[in-house]
Amino acid sequence: MGIGYFLTREDLEKRQSWRMTEVISQMPGASLLRTTSGHAYVSSAHASTSLGPGGRASICLAVVNLDGVKVYAGKRGEAPFDINSVQTTELEAIEYYASAVEAPAQYAGQDVSCGVLLMWTRISP
């Protein structure tokens, strides 16, 4: 279905001095989990945080794909993808879908209940 939020190369050029956290925070439906060490992870603003074993908060992070390759699948024990590890100048486009209902069919089959972020790198600057 593909009802998401999109940024093209032209949009990203206007934001070339921005960190990815600033770019993502402007996307409707996206939420950020920021750490004190400067890392940031994407979540759907619609996803709920629940208490897991031992009363710990269970954060629902978005699946992340870079050039069609899943770099974060949301699996237990998997290290989340730090969006600040990518610069806006490296990207051709960004797509964000807040839920499986919004995501294109090829991504909706993945566990994207917490959203899916698709980033496409530039071939040449």
C-alpha atoms as a PDB file:
ATOM      1  CA  MET A   1       0.000   0.000   0.000  1.00  0.00           C
ATOM      2  CA  GLY A   2       2.886   2.350   0.764  1.00  0.00           C
ATOM      3  CA  ILE A   3       1.213   5.037   2.863  1.00  0.00           C
ATOM      4  CA  GLY A   4       4.265   6.487   4.518  1.00  0.00           C
ATOM      5  CA  TYR A   5       6.479   9.524   4.693  1.00  0.00           C
ATOM      6  CA  PHE A   6       9.136  10.124   2.042  1.00  0.00           C
ATOM      7  CA  LEU A   7      12.185  12.364   1.684  1.00  0.00           C
ATOM      8  CA  THR A   8      13.884  12.668  -1.698  1.00  0.00           C
ATOM      9  CA  ARG A   9      17.438  13.783  -2.491  1.00  0.00           C
ATOM     10  CA  GLU A  10      16.116  17.323  -2.943  1.00  0.00           C
ATOM     11  CA  ASP A  11      14.511  17.238   0.524  1.00  0.00           C
ATOM     12  CA  LEU A  12      17.705  15.862   2.054  1.00  0.00           C
ATOM     13  CA  GLU A  13      19.872  18.539   0.407  1.00  0.00           C
ATOM     14  CA  LYS A  14      17.852  21.156   2.300  1.00  0.00           C
ATOM     15  CA  ARG A  15      18.725  19.269   5.485  1.00  0.00           C
ATOM     16  CA  GLN A  16      22.338  18.379   4.672  1.00  0.00           C
ATOM     17  CA  SER A  17      23.693  19.934   7.873  1.00  0.00           C
ATOM     18  CA  TRP A  18      21.125  18.115  10.038  1.00  0.00           C
ATOM     19  CA  ARG A  19      21.845  14.985  12.044  1.00  0.00           C
ATOM     20  CA  MET A  20      19.618  12.037  11.233  1.00  0.00           C
ATOM     21  CA  THR A  21      17.829  12.459  14.564  1.00  0.00           C
ATOM     22  CA  GLU A  22      16.679  15.897  13.421  1.00  0.00           C
ATOM     23  CA  VAL A  23      15.506  14.521  10.072  1.00  0.00           C
ATOM     24  CA  ILE A  24      13.647  11.550  11.563  1.00  0.00           C
ATOM     25  CA  SER A  25      12.040  13.641  14.312  1.00  0.00           C
ATOM     26  CA  GLN A  26      10.265  15.620  11.570  1.00  0.00           C
ATOM     27  CA  MET A  27       8.652  12.481  10.113  1.00  0.00           C
ATOM     28  CA  PRO A  28       5.009  11.955  11.123  1.00  0.00           C
ATOM     29  CA  GLY A  29       4.515   8.801  13.187  1.00  0.00           C
ATOM     30  CA  ALA A  30       8.219   8.419  14.026  1.00  0.00           C
ATOM     31  CA  SER A  31       9.583   8.546  17.522  1.00  0.00           C
ATOM     32  CA  LEU A  32      13.198   8.456  18.707  1.00  0.00           C
ATOM     33  CA  LEU A  33      14.962   6.719  21.539  1.00  0.00           C
ATOM     34  CA  ARG A  34      18.148   8.658  22.281  1.00  0.00           C
ATOM     35  CA  THR A  35      20.967   7.510  24.518  1.00  0.00           C
ATOM     36  CA  THR A  36      23.312   9.628  26.595  1.00  0.00           C
ATOM     37  CA  SER A  37      26.185   8.428  24.380  1.00  0.00           C
ATOM     38  CA  GLY A  38      24.638  10.070  21.287  1.00  0.00           C
ATOM     39  CA  HIS A  39      23.108   6.984  19.689  1.00  0.00           C
ATOM     40  CA  ALA A  40      19.533   7.148  18.410  1.00  0.00           C
ATOM     41  CA  TYR A  41      17.028   4.502  17.409  1.00  0.00           C
ATOM     42  CA  VAL A  42      13.703   4.805  15.562  1.00  0.00           C
ATOM     43  CA  SER A  43      10.368   3.636  16.871  1.00  0.00           C
ATOM     44  CA  SER A  44       6.792   4.175  15.847  1.00  0.00           C
ATOM     45  CA  ALA A  45       5.044   6.864  17.858  1.00  0.00           C
ATOM     46  CA  HIS A  46       2.063   4.471  17.768  1.00  0.00           C
ATOM     47  CA  ALA A  47       3.950   1.575  19.385  1.00  0.00           C
ATOM     48  CA  SER A  48       3.497   1.050  23.061  1.00  0.00           C
ATOM     49  CA  THR A  49       6.255   0.482  25.556  1.00  0.00           C
ATOM     50  CA  SER A  50       5.562  -2.473  27.807  1.00  0.00           C
ATOM     51  CA  LEU A  51       7.170  -3.944  30.870  1.00  0.00           C
ATOM     52  CA  GLY A  52       9.132  -7.087  30.205  1.00  0.00           C
ATOM     53  CA  PRO A  53      10.723  -9.626  32.564  1.00  0.00           C
ATOM     54  CA  GLY A  54      11.907  -8.164  35.840  1.00  0.00           C
ATOM     55  CA  GLY A  55       9.855  -5.000  35.308  1.00  0.00           C
ATOM     56  CA  ARG A  56      12.203  -3.675  32.612  1.00  0.00           C
ATOM     57  CA  ALA A  57      10.750  -1.501  29.885  1.00  0.00           C
ATOM     58  CA  SER A  58      10.493  -3.255  26.534  1.00  0.00           C
ATOM     59  CA  ILE A  59      11.049  -0.740  23.745  1.00  0.00           C
ATOM     60  CA  CYS A  60       9.529  -1.411  20.344  1.00  0.00           C
ATOM     61  CA  LEU A  61      12.081  -0.298  17.711  1.00  0.00           C
ATOM     62  CA  ALA A  62      11.460   0.043  13.981  1.00  0.00           C
ATOM     63  CA  VAL A  63      12.932  -2.405  11.488  1.00  0.00           C
ATOM     64  CA  VAL A  64      15.682  -0.675   9.480  1.00  0.00           C
ATOM     65  CA  ASN A  65      16.667  -1.451   5.874  1.00  0.00           C
ATOM     66  CA  LEU A  66      19.613   0.123   4.071  1.00  0.00           C
ATOM     67  CA  ASP A  67      19.552  -0.270   0.280  1.00  0.00           C
ATOM     68  CA  GLY A  68      17.014  -3.065   0.620  1.00  0.00           C
ATOM     69  CA  VAL A  69      19.112  -5.012   3.135  1.00  0.00           C
ATOM     70  CA  LYS A  70      17.750  -5.404   6.641  1.00  0.00           C
ATOM     71  CA  VAL A  71      20.305  -3.965   9.092  1.00  0.00           C
ATOM     72  CA  TYR A  72      18.015  -4.240  12.114  1.00  0.00           C
ATOM     73  CA  ALA A  73      15.205  -6.778  12.386  1.00  0.00           C
ATOM     74  CA  GLY A  74      14.101  -6.189  15.967  1.00  0.00           C
ATOM     75  CA  LYS A  75      15.143  -9.648  17.138  1.00  0.00           C
ATOM     76  CA  ARG A  76      15.891 -10.321  20.787  1.00  0.00           C
ATOM     77  CA  GLY A  77      19.579  -9.746  21.574  1.00  0.00           C
ATOM     78  CA  GLU A  78      20.219  -7.944  18.282  1.00  0.00           C
ATOM     79  CA  ALA A  79      22.032  -4.604  18.506  1.00  0.00           C
ATOM     80  CA  PRO A  80      19.752  -1.793  17.286  1.00  0.00           C
ATOM     81  CA  PHE A  81      20.769   0.334  14.309  1.00  0.00           C
ATOM     82  CA  ASP A  82      22.050   3.788  15.293  1.00  0.00           C
ATOM     83  CA  ILE A  83      20.558   6.207  12.777  1.00  0.00           C
ATOM     84  CA  ASN A  84      23.255   8.748  13.593  1.00  0.00           C
ATOM     85  CA  SER A  85      25.745   6.382  11.941  1.00  0.00           C
ATOM     86  CA  VAL A  86      24.402   7.621   8.580  1.00  0.00           C
ATOM     87  CA  GLN A  87      24.750  11.173   7.245  1.00  0.00           C
ATOM     88  CA  THR A  88      22.037  12.903   5.204  1.00  0.00           C
ATOM     89  CA  THR A  89      24.632  13.654   2.516  1.00  0.00           C
ATOM     90  CA  GLU A  90      25.092   9.891   1.976  1.00  0.00           C
ATOM     91  CA  LEU A  91      21.419   9.281   1.225  1.00  0.00           C
ATOM     92  CA  GLU A  92      19.336   9.496  -1.922  1.00  0.00           C
ATOM     93  CA  ALA A  93      16.006   8.928  -0.181  1.00  0.00           C
ATOM     94  CA  ILE A  94      14.340   7.925   3.079  1.00  0.00           C
ATOM     95  CA  GLU A  95      10.979   6.223   3.563  1.00  0.00           C
ATOM     96  CA  TYR A  96       9.241   5.709   6.890  1.00  0.00           C
ATOM     97  CA  TYR A  97       6.159   3.615   7.588  1.00  0.00           C
ATOM     98  CA  ALA A  98       4.782   3.699  11.138  1.00  0.00           C
ATOM     99  CA  SER A  99       3.147   0.252  10.973  1.00  0.00           C
ATOM    100  CA  ALA A 100       2.640  -2.883   8.886  1.00  0.00           C
ATOM    101  CA  VAL A 101      -0.649  -1.451   7.619  1.00  0.00           C
ATOM    102  CA  GLU A 102       1.208   1.488   6.049  1.00  0.00           C
ATOM    103  CA  ALA A 103       4.224  -0.433   4.716  1.00  0.00           C
ATOM    104  CA  PRO A 104       4.555  -1.683   1.123  1.00  0.00           C
ATOM    105  CA  ALA A 105       3.706  -5.379   0.728  1.00  0.00           C
ATOM    106  CA  GLN A 106       7.346  -6.525   0.464  1.00  0.00           C
ATOM    107  CA  TYR A 107       8.048  -5.093   3.948  1.00  0.00           C
ATOM    108  CA  ALA A 108       4.678  -5.677   5.633  1.00  0.00           C
ATOM    109  CA  GLY A 109       5.485  -9.392   5.946  1.00  0.00           C
ATOM    110  CA  GLN A 110       8.415  -8.571   8.216  1.00  0.00           C
ATOM    111  CA  ASP A 111       7.657  -7.827  11.866  1.00  0.00           C
ATOM    112  CA  VAL A 112       7.172  -4.102  11.340  1.00  0.00           C
ATOM    113  CA  SER A 113       4.586  -3.461  14.057  1.00  0.00           C
ATOM    114  CA  CYS A 114       6.991  -0.841  15.440  1.00  0.00           C
ATOM    115  CA  GLY A 115       7.513   0.747  12.027  1.00  0.00           C
ATOM    116  CA  VAL A 116       9.995   0.333   9.193  1.00  0.00           C
ATOM    117  CA  LEU A 117      12.663   2.799   8.075  1.00  0.00           C
ATOM    118  CA  LEU A 118      14.053   2.430   4.552  1.00  0.00           C
ATOM    119  CA  MET A 119      17.177   4.356   3.604  1.00  0.00           C
ATOM    120  CA  TRP A 120      18.655   4.461   0.108  1.00  0.00           C
ATOM    121  CA  THR A 121      22.271   5.573  -0.365  1.00  0.00           C
ATOM    122  CA  ARG A 122      23.521   7.763  -3.183  1.00  0.00           C
ATOM    123  CA  ILE A 123      25.435   6.122  -5.991  1.00  0.00           C
ATOM    124  CA  SER A 124      27.648   9.179  -6.419  1.00  0.00           C
ATOM    125  CA  PRO A 125      27.626  12.616  -4.760  1.00  0.00           C
END
